[in-house]
Structures are given as C-alpha cells and as structure tokens.
Amino acid sequence: MTGSLNRSEMDNLTPYYRLLKSHHLFTGFSDKELQHLLAECHLKKLARDEWLFHQGDPAPAFYFVIDGSIKLFRTNRDGNEKIIEVINNHETFAEAIMFSGQHNYPVNAQALKASTLLAIACTRYIDCITRHPQQALALAARLSQRLHAKINEIETLSLKNATHRVVRFLINGITDNLSREPVVELEIPKRLVASRLSIQPETFSRILHHLADEKIIHIKGKLITILDLERLLHYE
C-alpha cells in the first residue's frame, strides 16, 4: 500500500513529524523545510513477509521505519538467504544509495512483521541538504558509523569462530537493565540471527544451549538473560 500524503494524512502524521525531527538526519531542517519534505514522502504499509523491493530494483528513495522491522538480505544461487541487516523502529536504511553512484538497490528488503514506513525521495533530500550543509555532515557521520560497523562485522565473520561470533552478538545486544542481570531480546527468529552470523541455525542453537548449561546465560523464549557477564566476556 503506497501513496502521497494528503492533508488529512499530514494531520495524522504529527507524531511521525516529531520522530523525524528527533532523528539526526533531519534535526537541522527548519519546521517548514521538514514539512515540505514530509509532504513529498510516500507512506508505505507492509504486511508480514511482504516485499518492499528486490535487489536490482530502481532506487528512487530511502526509508524511515515508523513501526515494524525490515530485513535486508541477499539470496545465493541455491536460494539461501544471507542477512545483511535488520532495521527496526525509528531507523533509516538505503540512504547510502544517494552517494554510491548506483541507481538500483543492492539488496532485497522484506518486512519481518507488519510495518509502516516513510519513503523519502533521494533527490528531494539532496536538495534539502544542499541548502543545509550541516545535514550533509550528519549524513556523513551516519554513513561513517555504518561503515565502521560493517568493517567490524567483516572482521568478526572472517577471523572469529562460531562461538566467538555468538558471544559478540550477545554482548552487543545487551539492553540497559541496571537493576537486574543484562538481557538480550531476540527481535528476529534464530535462523535469521544465524544467517547474520554466517553460521548454521543448529550451530547457533547448540552454542546457546552450551552457554546455558554452563550457567552463563538463561534462555526463555525470545529473552536471553546474562547470568555471568564476566565469564561471557572472556568466553571462547
């Protein structure tokens, strides 16, 4: 489902306007500029498992996730998926396409659950940052952060064994929980986490169960409680 925003929809987008205003890619825009940008956005609603775009599709826009979860992935000749990234609430993706010299999406995008997105025209955003150079710096910082994250991920996937990858995934996924043990919530199915870590699903499950047997973690559904963070930090 897609379409330009009419006046009624614009009125209903007040909370989304605030979300965009608080996001570092848009904070430097004036209220008027951001309203104009919103007026030219497209609202997209995706059902679970619905495709947003396929690898190779024309790339006129990048996206802001209002609500939901989007997986970015590639598929090899055997039909196996390789998860590149999972994008969640209030995050953006595909903005790098504006400066890559490419005109097509390099990955597939599919909703992991019902999702609502704003499609932001690349040409319109570039026009805005041309008038607001500070926003270009914010975008450069964002792309730099993603580049460093990918470099670290490549190092982990190429130089570390499966156990180390799982341990790093758990440590990086810890949420703030100062009053109790640290907790990691699996926001996507374990098979997709395994794909992201470039290991088999059964290997991922086996390592988790081994850590549980060692009383380092406790698994309950999608929640993984870190019982002994010190041991986990030094676990190989």
C-alpha atoms as a PDB file:
ATOM      1  CA  MET A   1       0.000   0.000   0.000  1.00  0.00           C
ATOM      2  CA  THR A   2       1.509   3.335  -1.004  1.00  0.00           C
ATOM      3  CA  GLY A   3       0.535   6.902  -1.839  1.00  0.00           C
ATOM      4  CA  SER A   4       1.404  10.565  -1.484  1.00  0.00           C
ATOM      5  CA  LEU A   5       0.318  12.200   1.729  1.00  0.00           C
ATOM      6  CA  ASN A   6      -2.870  14.280   1.536  1.00  0.00           C
ATOM      7  CA  ARG A   7      -3.841  16.990   4.038  1.00  0.00           C
ATOM      8  CA  SER A   8      -5.709  14.550   6.286  1.00  0.00           C
ATOM      9  CA  GLU A   9      -2.743  12.194   6.339  1.00  0.00           C
ATOM     10  CA  MET A  10      -0.416  15.106   7.039  1.00  0.00           C
ATOM     11  CA  ASP A  11      -2.552  15.997  10.059  1.00  0.00           C
ATOM     12  CA  ASN A  12      -2.271  12.409  11.240  1.00  0.00           C
ATOM     13  CA  LEU A  13       1.491  12.457  10.776  1.00  0.00           C
ATOM     14  CA  THR A  14       2.198  14.833  13.672  1.00  0.00           C
ATOM     15  CA  PRO A  15       3.800  12.069  15.796  1.00  0.00           C
ATOM     16  CA  TYR A  16       5.859  10.959  12.791  1.00  0.00           C
ATOM     17  CA  TYR A  17       6.957  14.536  12.212  1.00  0.00           C
ATOM     18  CA  ARG A  18       8.319  14.584  15.749  1.00  0.00           C
ATOM     19  CA  LEU A  19      10.097  11.282  15.139  1.00  0.00           C
ATOM     20  CA  LEU A  20      11.782  12.651  12.042  1.00  0.00           C
ATOM     21  CA  LYS A  21      12.638  15.903  13.805  1.00  0.00           C
ATOM     22  CA  SER A  22      14.460  13.959  16.523  1.00  0.00           C
ATOM     23  CA  HIS A  23      16.395  11.804  14.033  1.00  0.00           C
ATOM     24  CA  HIS A  24      19.907  13.068  13.335  1.00  0.00           C
ATOM     25  CA  LEU A  25      19.368  13.027   9.555  1.00  0.00           C
ATOM     26  CA  PHE A  26      16.617  15.643   9.917  1.00  0.00           C
ATOM     27  CA  THR A  27      17.370  17.654  13.061  1.00  0.00           C
ATOM     28  CA  GLY A  28      18.966  20.552  11.171  1.00  0.00           C
ATOM     29  CA  PHE A  29      15.943  21.204   8.985  1.00  0.00           C
ATOM     30  CA  SER A  30      13.573  24.041   9.793  1.00  0.00           C
ATOM     31  CA  ASP A  31       9.967  23.154  10.575  1.00  0.00           C
ATOM     32  CA  LYS A  32       8.914  24.488   7.186  1.00  0.00           C
ATOM     33  CA  GLU A  33      11.592  22.504   5.338  1.00  0.00           C
ATOM     34  CA  LEU A  34      10.703  19.306   7.139  1.00  0.00           C
ATOM     35  CA  GLN A  35       7.005  19.817   6.476  1.00  0.00           C
ATOM     36  CA  HIS A  36       7.760  20.257   2.776  1.00  0.00           C
ATOM     37  CA  LEU A  37       9.862  17.103   2.832  1.00  0.00           C
ATOM     38  CA  LEU A  38       7.083  15.172   4.563  1.00  0.00           C
ATOM     39  CA  ALA A  39       4.535  16.414   2.047  1.00  0.00           C
ATOM     40  CA  GLU A  40       6.519  14.730  -0.723  1.00  0.00           C
ATOM     41  CA  CYS A  41       7.076  11.470   1.144  1.00  0.00           C
ATOM     42  CA  HIS A  42       5.154   8.301   0.454  1.00  0.00           C
ATOM     43  CA  LEU A  43       3.589   6.272   3.238  1.00  0.00           C
ATOM     44  CA  LYS A  44       4.061   2.530   2.832  1.00  0.00           C
ATOM     45  CA  LYS A  45       2.330  -0.168   4.852  1.00  0.00           C
ATOM     46  CA  LEU A  46       3.650  -3.701   4.528  1.00  0.00           C
ATOM     47  CA  ALA A  47       2.156  -6.935   5.794  1.00  0.00           C
ATOM     48  CA  ARG A  48       4.396  -9.555   7.353  1.00  0.00           C
ATOM     49  CA  ASP A  49       6.667 -11.154   4.707  1.00  0.00           C
ATOM     50  CA  GLU A  50       5.660  -8.555   2.100  1.00  0.00           C
ATOM     51  CA  TRP A  51       8.465  -7.328  -0.142  1.00  0.00           C
ATOM     52  CA  LEU A  52       9.487  -3.679  -0.165  1.00  0.00           C
ATOM     53  CA  PHE A  53      11.949  -4.025  -3.036  1.00  0.00           C
ATOM     54  CA  HIS A  54      14.142  -6.600  -4.739  1.00  0.00           C
ATOM     55  CA  GLN A  55      17.845  -6.457  -5.453  1.00  0.00           C
ATOM     56  CA  GLY A  56      18.305  -4.591  -8.721  1.00  0.00           C
ATOM     57  CA  ASP A  57      15.079  -2.572  -8.491  1.00  0.00           C
ATOM     58  CA  PRO A  58      15.348   1.180  -9.248  1.00  0.00           C
ATOM     59  CA  ALA A  59      16.255   3.125  -6.086  1.00  0.00           C
ATOM     60  CA  PRO A  60      14.461   6.487  -6.025  1.00  0.00           C
ATOM     61  CA  ALA A  61      14.029   6.635  -2.232  1.00  0.00           C
ATOM     62  CA  PHE A  62      15.430   5.743   1.160  1.00  0.00           C
ATOM     63  CA  TYR A  63      13.248   4.759   4.103  1.00  0.00           C
ATOM     64  CA  PHE A  64      12.411   5.665   7.683  1.00  0.00           C
ATOM     65  CA  VAL A  65      10.810   2.896   9.739  1.00  0.00           C
ATOM     66  CA  ILE A  66       7.900   4.355  11.680  1.00  0.00           C
ATOM     67  CA  ASP A  67       6.954   0.999  13.122  1.00  0.00           C
ATOM     68  CA  GLY A  68       7.964  -2.547  12.303  1.00  0.00           C
ATOM     69  CA  SER A  69      11.028  -4.488  11.221  1.00  0.00           C
ATOM     70  CA  ILE A  70      12.660  -4.849   7.802  1.00  0.00           C
ATOM     71  CA  LYS A  71      15.303  -7.385   6.838  1.00  0.00           C
ATOM     72  CA  LEU A  72      17.885  -6.515   4.204  1.00  0.00           C
ATOM     73  CA  PHE A  73      19.343  -9.600   2.565  1.00  0.00           C
ATOM     74  CA  ARG A  74      20.751 -11.273  -0.498  1.00  0.00           C
ATOM     75  CA  THR A  75      19.977 -14.709  -1.900  1.00  0.00           C
ATOM     76  CA  ASN A  76      22.580 -17.008  -3.428  1.00  0.00           C
ATOM     77  CA  ARG A  77      22.115 -19.353  -6.377  1.00  0.00           C
ATOM     78  CA  ASP A  78      20.942 -22.124  -4.060  1.00  0.00           C
ATOM     79  CA  GLY A  79      18.193 -19.913  -2.671  1.00  0.00           C
ATOM     80  CA  ASN A  80      19.857 -19.457   0.718  1.00  0.00           C
ATOM     81  CA  GLU A  81      19.464 -16.068   2.381  1.00  0.00           C
ATOM     82  CA  LYS A  82      22.302 -14.015   3.791  1.00  0.00           C
ATOM     83  CA  ILE A  83      21.017 -11.388   6.209  1.00  0.00           C
ATOM     84  CA  ILE A  84      22.838  -8.093   5.744  1.00  0.00           C
ATOM     85  CA  GLU A  85      20.999  -6.068   8.376  1.00  0.00           C
ATOM     86  CA  VAL A  86      17.721  -5.852  10.273  1.00  0.00           C
ATOM     87  CA  ILE A  87      16.194  -2.370  10.506  1.00  0.00           C
ATOM     88  CA  ASN A  88      13.844  -1.599  13.389  1.00  0.00           C
ATOM     89  CA  ASN A  89      11.667   1.243  14.692  1.00  0.00           C
ATOM     90  CA  HIS A  90      12.848   4.805  14.018  1.00  0.00           C
ATOM     91  CA  GLU A  91      15.837   3.719  11.933  1.00  0.00           C
ATOM     92  CA  THR A  92      16.659   4.591   8.326  1.00  0.00           C
ATOM     93  CA  PHE A  93      18.065   2.482   5.529  1.00  0.00           C
ATOM     94  CA  ALA A  94      19.170   2.771   1.887  1.00  0.00           C
ATOM     95  CA  GLU A  95      20.354   6.369   2.359  1.00  0.00           C
ATOM     96  CA  ALA A  96      23.846   5.404   1.148  1.00  0.00           C
ATOM     97  CA  ILE A  97      22.399   4.838  -2.325  1.00  0.00           C
ATOM     98  CA  MET A  98      22.262   8.621  -2.793  1.00  0.00           C
ATOM     99  CA  PHE A  99      26.049   8.881  -2.998  1.00  0.00           C
ATOM    100  CA  SER A 100      27.128   5.448  -4.216  1.00  0.00           C
ATOM    101  CA  GLY A 101      26.779   6.210  -7.907  1.00  0.00           C
ATOM    102  CA  GLN A 102      24.307   3.334  -8.164  1.00  0.00           C
ATOM    103  CA  HIS A 103      20.715   3.688  -9.268  1.00  0.00           C
ATOM    104  CA  ASN A 104      19.479   0.305  -8.074  1.00  0.00           C
ATOM    105  CA  TYR A 105      19.062  -1.287  -4.669  1.00  0.00           C
ATOM    106  CA  PRO A 106      21.962  -3.691  -3.950  1.00  0.00           C
ATOM    107  CA  VAL A 107      19.897  -5.893  -1.606  1.00  0.00           C
ATOM    108  CA  ASN A 108      16.387  -7.228  -1.063  1.00  0.00           C
ATOM    109  CA  ALA A 109      14.088  -5.725   1.580  1.00  0.00           C
ATOM    110  CA  GLN A 110      11.205  -7.622   3.177  1.00  0.00           C
ATOM    111  CA  ALA A 111       9.014  -6.987   6.218  1.00  0.00           C
ATOM    112  CA  LEU A 112       9.569  -9.329   9.161  1.00  0.00           C
ATOM    113  CA  LYS A 113       6.258  -8.151  10.624  1.00  0.00           C
ATOM    114  CA  ALA A 114       3.571  -5.607   9.794  1.00  0.00           C
ATOM    115  CA  SER A 115       5.483  -2.386   9.166  1.00  0.00           C
ATOM    116  CA  THR A 116       4.829   1.270   8.387  1.00  0.00           C
ATOM    117  CA  LEU A 117       7.495   3.231   6.508  1.00  0.00           C
ATOM    118  CA  LEU A 118       8.096   6.638   5.046  1.00  0.00           C
ATOM    119  CA  ALA A 119       9.722   6.609   1.607  1.00  0.00           C
ATOM    120  CA  ILE A 120      11.844   9.747   1.252  1.00  0.00           C
ATOM    121  CA  ALA A 121      12.822  10.772  -2.264  1.00  0.00           C
ATOM    122  CA  CYS A 122      16.600  10.861  -2.639  1.00  0.00           C
ATOM    123  CA  THR A 123      16.501  13.857  -4.976  1.00  0.00           C
ATOM    124  CA  ARG A 124      14.333  15.842  -2.544  1.00  0.00           C
ATOM    125  CA  TYR A 125      16.600  15.063   0.412  1.00  0.00           C
ATOM    126  CA  ILE A 126      19.724  16.011  -1.556  1.00  0.00           C
ATOM    127  CA  ASP A 127      18.037  19.282  -2.449  1.00  0.00           C
ATOM    128  CA  CYS A 128      17.410  19.918   1.258  1.00  0.00           C
ATOM    129  CA  ILE A 129      20.947  19.174   2.419  1.00  0.00           C
ATOM    130  CA  THR A 130      22.331  21.371  -0.355  1.00  0.00           C
ATOM    131  CA  ARG A 131      20.675  24.261   1.469  1.00  0.00           C
ATOM    132  CA  HIS A 132      21.648  22.908   4.906  1.00  0.00           C
ATOM    133  CA  PRO A 133      25.323  21.831   4.825  1.00  0.00           C
ATOM    134  CA  GLN A 134      25.199  20.770   8.485  1.00  0.00           C
ATOM    135  CA  GLN A 135      22.833  17.998   7.450  1.00  0.00           C
ATOM    136  CA  ALA A 136      25.411  16.729   4.984  1.00  0.00           C
ATOM    137  CA  LEU A 137      27.788  16.347   7.934  1.00  0.00           C
ATOM    138  CA  ALA A 138      25.143  14.430   9.877  1.00  0.00           C
ATOM    139  CA  LEU A 139      24.613  12.108   6.942  1.00  0.00           C
ATOM    140  CA  ALA A 140      28.370  11.617   6.530  1.00  0.00           C
ATOM    141  CA  ALA A 141      28.609  10.719  10.221  1.00  0.00           C
ATOM    142  CA  ARG A 142      25.769   8.214   9.855  1.00  0.00           C
ATOM    143  CA  LEU A 143      27.361   6.551   6.835  1.00  0.00           C
ATOM    144  CA  SER A 144      30.727   6.501   8.597  1.00  0.00           C
ATOM    145  CA  GLN A 145      29.190   4.734  11.599  1.00  0.00           C
ATOM    146  CA  ARG A 146      27.671   2.111   9.329  1.00  0.00           C
ATOM    147  CA  LEU A 147      30.967   1.643   7.505  1.00  0.00           C
ATOM    148  CA  HIS A 148      32.850   1.052  10.761  1.00  0.00           C
ATOM    149  CA  ALA A 149      30.144  -1.358  11.927  1.00  0.00           C
ATOM    150  CA  LYS A 150      30.451  -3.317   8.686  1.00  0.00           C
ATOM    151  CA  ILE A 151      34.248  -3.411   8.959  1.00  0.00           C
ATOM    152  CA  ASN A 152      33.943  -4.817  12.491  1.00  0.00           C
ATOM    153  CA  GLU A 153      31.363  -7.325  11.280  1.00  0.00           C
ATOM    154  CA  ILE A 154      33.600  -8.464   8.420  1.00  0.00           C
ATOM    155  CA  GLU A 155      36.480  -8.917  10.872  1.00  0.00           C
ATOM    156  CA  THR A 156      34.302 -10.995  13.185  1.00  0.00           C
ATOM    157  CA  LEU A 157      32.921 -13.155  10.376  1.00  0.00           C
ATOM    158  CA  SER A 158      36.284 -13.739   8.717  1.00  0.00           C
ATOM    159  CA  LEU A 159      38.618 -14.084  11.697  1.00  0.00           C
ATOM    160  CA  LYS A 160      36.499 -15.425  14.559  1.00  0.00           C
ATOM    161  CA  ASN A 161      34.989 -18.846  15.124  1.00  0.00           C
ATOM    162  CA  ALA A 162      31.270 -19.525  15.528  1.00  0.00           C
ATOM    163  CA  THR A 163      31.349 -19.419  19.328  1.00  0.00           C
ATOM    164  CA  HIS A 164      33.071 -16.044  19.354  1.00  0.00           C
ATOM    165  CA  ARG A 165      30.511 -14.664  16.888  1.00  0.00           C
ATOM    166  CA  VAL A 166      27.630 -15.753  19.100  1.00  0.00           C
ATOM    167  CA  VAL A 167      29.296 -14.333  22.208  1.00  0.00           C
ATOM    168  CA  ARG A 168      29.882 -10.979  20.470  1.00  0.00           C
ATOM    169  CA  PHE A 169      26.279 -10.971  19.271  1.00  0.00           C
ATOM    170  CA  LEU A 170      25.053 -11.439  22.843  1.00  0.00           C
ATOM    171  CA  ILE A 171      27.353  -8.776  24.266  1.00  0.00           C
ATOM    172  CA  ASN A 172      26.432  -6.252  21.573  1.00  0.00           C
ATOM    173  CA  GLY A 173      22.733  -6.985  22.057  1.00  0.00           C
ATOM    174  CA  ILE A 174      22.594  -6.320  25.801  1.00  0.00           C
ATOM    175  CA  THR A 175      19.908  -3.796  26.726  1.00  0.00           C
ATOM    176  CA  ASP A 176      20.095  -1.427  29.693  1.00  0.00           C
ATOM    177  CA  ASN A 177      18.840  -3.274  32.742  1.00  0.00           C
ATOM    178  CA  LEU A 178      20.667  -1.775  35.696  1.00  0.00           C
ATOM    179  CA  SER A 179      18.515  -3.318  38.413  1.00  0.00           C
ATOM    180  CA  ARG A 180      18.841  -6.926  37.204  1.00  0.00           C
ATOM    181  CA  GLU A 181      21.015  -9.160  35.047  1.00  0.00           C
ATOM    182  CA  PRO A 182      21.639  -7.906  31.500  1.00  0.00           C
ATOM    183  CA  VAL A 183      19.084  -9.137  28.962  1.00  0.00           C
ATOM    184  CA  VAL A 184      19.225  -9.747  25.219  1.00  0.00           C
ATOM    185  CA  GLU A 185      15.936  -9.858  23.315  1.00  0.00           C
ATOM    186  CA  LEU A 186      15.875 -11.777  20.041  1.00  0.00           C
ATOM    187  CA  GLU A 187      13.848  -9.500  17.789  1.00  0.00           C
ATOM    188  CA  ILE A 188      14.103 -11.856  14.816  1.00  0.00           C
ATOM    189  CA  PRO A 189      13.925 -15.669  14.511  1.00  0.00           C
ATOM    190  CA  LYS A 190      17.033 -17.617  15.493  1.00  0.00           C
ATOM    191  CA  ARG A 191      17.539 -18.849  11.929  1.00  0.00           C
ATOM    192  CA  LEU A 192      17.866 -15.224  10.779  1.00  0.00           C
ATOM    193  CA  VAL A 193      20.314 -14.432  13.575  1.00  0.00           C
ATOM    194  CA  ALA A 194      22.339 -17.458  12.475  1.00  0.00           C
ATOM    195  CA  SER A 195      22.309 -16.205   8.886  1.00  0.00           C
ATOM    196  CA  ARG A 196      23.513 -12.797  10.035  1.00  0.00           C
ATOM    197  CA  LEU A 197      26.394 -14.520  11.855  1.00  0.00           C
ATOM    198  CA  SER A 198      27.140 -16.803   8.862  1.00  0.00           C
ATOM    199  CA  ILE A 199      26.601 -19.991  10.836  1.00  0.00           C
ATOM    200  CA  GLN A 200      24.064 -22.790  10.595  1.00  0.00           C
ATOM    201  CA  PRO A 201      20.902 -22.479  12.753  1.00  0.00           C
ATOM    202  CA  GLU A 202      21.708 -25.724  14.563  1.00  0.00           C
ATOM    203  CA  THR A 203      25.184 -24.394  15.396  1.00  0.00           C
ATOM    204  CA  PHE A 204      23.692 -21.211  16.832  1.00  0.00           C
ATOM    205  CA  SER A 205      21.241 -23.205  18.967  1.00  0.00           C
ATOM    206  CA  ARG A 206      23.955 -25.607  20.130  1.00  0.00           C
ATOM    207  CA  ILE A 207      26.213 -22.762  21.292  1.00  0.00           C
ATOM    208  CA  LEU A 208      23.336 -21.074  23.140  1.00  0.00           C
ATOM    209  CA  HIS A 209      22.417 -24.301  24.899  1.00  0.00           C
ATOM    210  CA  HIS A 210      26.050 -24.898  25.829  1.00  0.00           C
ATOM    211  CA  LEU A 211      26.251 -21.427  27.376  1.00  0.00           C
ATOM    212  CA  ALA A 212      23.022 -22.171  29.239  1.00  0.00           C
ATOM    213  CA  ASP A 213      24.414 -25.481  30.516  1.00  0.00           C
ATOM    214  CA  GLU A 214      27.452 -23.571  31.772  1.00  0.00           C
ATOM    215  CA  LYS A 215      25.095 -21.245  33.717  1.00  0.00           C
ATOM    216  CA  ILE A 216      26.378 -18.254  31.771  1.00  0.00           C
ATOM    217  CA  ILE A 217      23.005 -17.439  30.224  1.00  0.00           C
ATOM    218  CA  HIS A 218      19.363 -18.374  30.737  1.00  0.00           C
ATOM    219  CA  ILE A 219      17.039 -18.754  27.755  1.00  0.00           C
ATOM    220  CA  LYS A 220      13.300 -18.169  27.976  1.00  0.00           C
ATOM    221  CA  GLY A 221      11.558 -17.704  24.656  1.00  0.00           C
ATOM    222  CA  LYS A 222      12.975 -14.631  22.939  1.00  0.00           C
ATOM    223  CA  LEU A 223      14.719 -13.392  26.087  1.00  0.00           C
ATOM    224  CA  ILE A 224      18.281 -14.368  26.944  1.00  0.00           C
ATOM    225  CA  THR A 225      19.388 -13.335  30.429  1.00  0.00           C
ATOM    226  CA  ILE A 226      23.124 -12.961  31.009  1.00  0.00           C
ATOM    227  CA  LEU A 227      23.769 -14.678  34.334  1.00  0.00           C
ATOM    228  CA  ASP A 228      27.553 -14.223  34.356  1.00  0.00           C
ATOM    229  CA  LEU A 229      28.687 -11.317  32.194  1.00  0.00           C
ATOM    230  CA  GLU A 230      32.324 -11.606  33.260  1.00  0.00           C
ATOM    231  CA  ARG A 231      32.547 -15.217  32.095  1.00  0.00           C
ATOM    232  CA  LEU A 232      30.734 -14.367  28.871  1.00  0.00           C
ATOM    233  CA  LEU A 233      33.168 -11.533  28.126  1.00  0.00           C
ATOM    234  CA  HIS A 234      36.096 -13.940  28.375  1.00  0.00           C
ATOM    235  CA  TYR A 235      34.402 -16.971  26.844  1.00  0.00           C
ATOM    236  CA  GLU A 236      35.944 -18.504  23.718  1.00  0.00           C
END
